[in-house]
Protein backbone atom coordinates (compact mmCIF):
# COMPACT_ATOMS: atom_id res chain seq x y z
CA MET A 1 1.17 -1.76 8.40
CA SER A 2 -1.56 -2.66 5.86
CA GLU A 3 -2.42 -0.63 2.81
CA LYS A 4 -6.06 -0.47 4.11
CA ARG A 5 -4.92 0.95 7.40
CA ILE A 6 -2.82 3.54 5.84
CA GLU A 7 -5.58 4.46 3.55
CA ASN A 8 -7.99 4.89 6.50
CA GLN A 9 -5.42 7.05 8.35
CA ILE A 10 -5.07 9.24 5.22
CA LYS A 11 -8.96 9.53 4.86
CA GLY A 12 -9.20 10.45 8.48
CA PHE A 13 -6.66 13.25 8.02
CA LEU A 14 -8.41 14.65 4.97
CA ASP A 15 -11.59 14.66 7.08
CA SER A 16 -9.94 16.55 9.85
CA ILE A 17 -8.75 19.33 7.59
CA GLY A 18 -12.15 19.63 5.82
CA ALA A 19 -11.19 18.08 2.53
CA TRP A 20 -13.75 16.23 0.24
CA HIS A 21 -12.57 12.72 -0.76
CA ILE A 22 -13.78 9.51 -2.16
CA LYS A 23 -12.19 5.95 -2.22
CA THR A 24 -12.04 4.72 -5.80
CA HIS A 25 -12.88 1.17 -6.40
CA GLY A 26 -12.04 -0.89 -9.46
CA SER A 27 -15.31 -0.94 -11.43
CA MET A 28 -16.84 -0.05 -14.65
CA PHE A 29 -17.20 3.56 -13.16
CA SER A 30 -13.48 4.12 -12.73
CA LYS A 31 -10.45 3.65 -15.03
CA ALA A 32 -7.93 0.97 -14.12
CA GLY A 33 -4.95 2.47 -12.40
CA THR A 34 -6.94 5.36 -10.99
CA PRO A 35 -5.30 6.34 -7.59
CA ASP A 36 -7.01 5.05 -4.50
CA ILE A 37 -8.18 8.35 -3.03
CA VAL A 38 -9.41 11.29 -5.04
CA ALA A 39 -9.99 14.49 -3.03
CA CYS A 40 -10.55 18.31 -3.43
CA VAL A 41 -8.19 20.14 -0.77
CA LYS A 42 -8.43 23.88 -0.62
CA GLY A 43 -9.96 23.85 -4.17
CA LYS A 44 -7.03 21.63 -5.65
CA PHE A 45 -7.67 18.42 -7.22
CA VAL A 46 -5.54 15.77 -5.24
CA ALA A 47 -5.11 12.13 -6.13
CA ILE A 48 -3.24 9.57 -3.87
CA GLU A 49 -2.07 6.29 -4.62
CA VAL A 50 -1.76 4.42 -1.36
CA LYS A 51 0.83 1.53 -0.94
CA GLN A 52 2.01 -0.35 2.14
CA PRO A 53 5.79 -0.18 2.70
CA GLY A 54 7.44 -2.10 -0.10
CA GLY A 55 4.34 -1.97 -2.27
CA ILE A 56 5.06 -1.71 -5.90
CA VAL A 57 3.41 1.05 -8.21
CA SER A 58 2.40 -0.34 -11.47
CA GLU A 59 3.26 1.38 -14.74
CA LEU A 60 -0.45 2.19 -15.39
CA GLN A 61 -0.64 3.72 -11.90
CA LYS A 62 2.47 5.91 -12.58
CA ALA A 63 0.93 6.88 -15.94
CA HIS A 64 -2.14 8.11 -14.26
CA ILE A 65 -0.22 10.03 -11.73
CA HIS A 66 1.69 11.73 -14.44
CA LEU A 67 -1.41 12.55 -16.42
CA ILE A 68 -3.01 14.17 -13.40
CA GLN A 69 0.14 16.27 -12.59
CA ASN A 70 0.30 17.29 -16.30
CA ALA A 71 -3.31 18.40 -16.09
CA GLY A 72 -2.45 20.70 -13.15
CA GLY A 73 -3.51 18.39 -10.20
CA VAL A 74 -1.60 17.09 -7.27
CA ALA A 75 -0.88 13.35 -7.56
CA PHE A 76 1.57 11.13 -5.56
CA VAL A 77 2.21 7.73 -3.89
CA ALA A 78 2.02 7.65 -0.14
CA TYR A 79 3.45 4.74 1.85
CA SER A 80 2.25 6.28 5.13
CA LEU A 81 0.07 9.03 6.60
CA LYS A 82 3.31 10.98 7.41
CA GLU A 83 4.34 10.92 3.81
CA ALA A 84 0.85 12.02 2.54
CA LYS A 85 1.08 14.97 4.99
CA LYS A 86 4.54 15.87 3.71
CA TYR A 87 3.33 16.00 0.12
CA LEU A 88 0.23 18.03 1.00
CA GLU A 89 2.45 20.50 2.91
CA GLU A 90 4.83 20.71 0.00
CA PHE A 91 1.81 21.96 -2.08
CA ASN A 92 0.63 24.37 0.71
CA LEU A 93 -2.54 22.28 1.21
CA VAL A 94 -2.34 21.92 4.96
């Protein structure tokens, strides 16, 4: 399954639970390595790096995920909608 399709599934799920979210794009307005989806779920900052199965997370992406986690946010890599839901459930966000 393509990364774009997984991303769209995750965004659709976030919509279904009433979460606010945006898709980040590499531009002058976002830092390189910023996770693909930034959301607010039940008042919690959530950042999701989306990869297709077998996709590789860059060191810069890993660093951003750790920075977000250290700042008290939820950040993770999801290779499927099922995996994204699992992480959100672990943080009691669904």
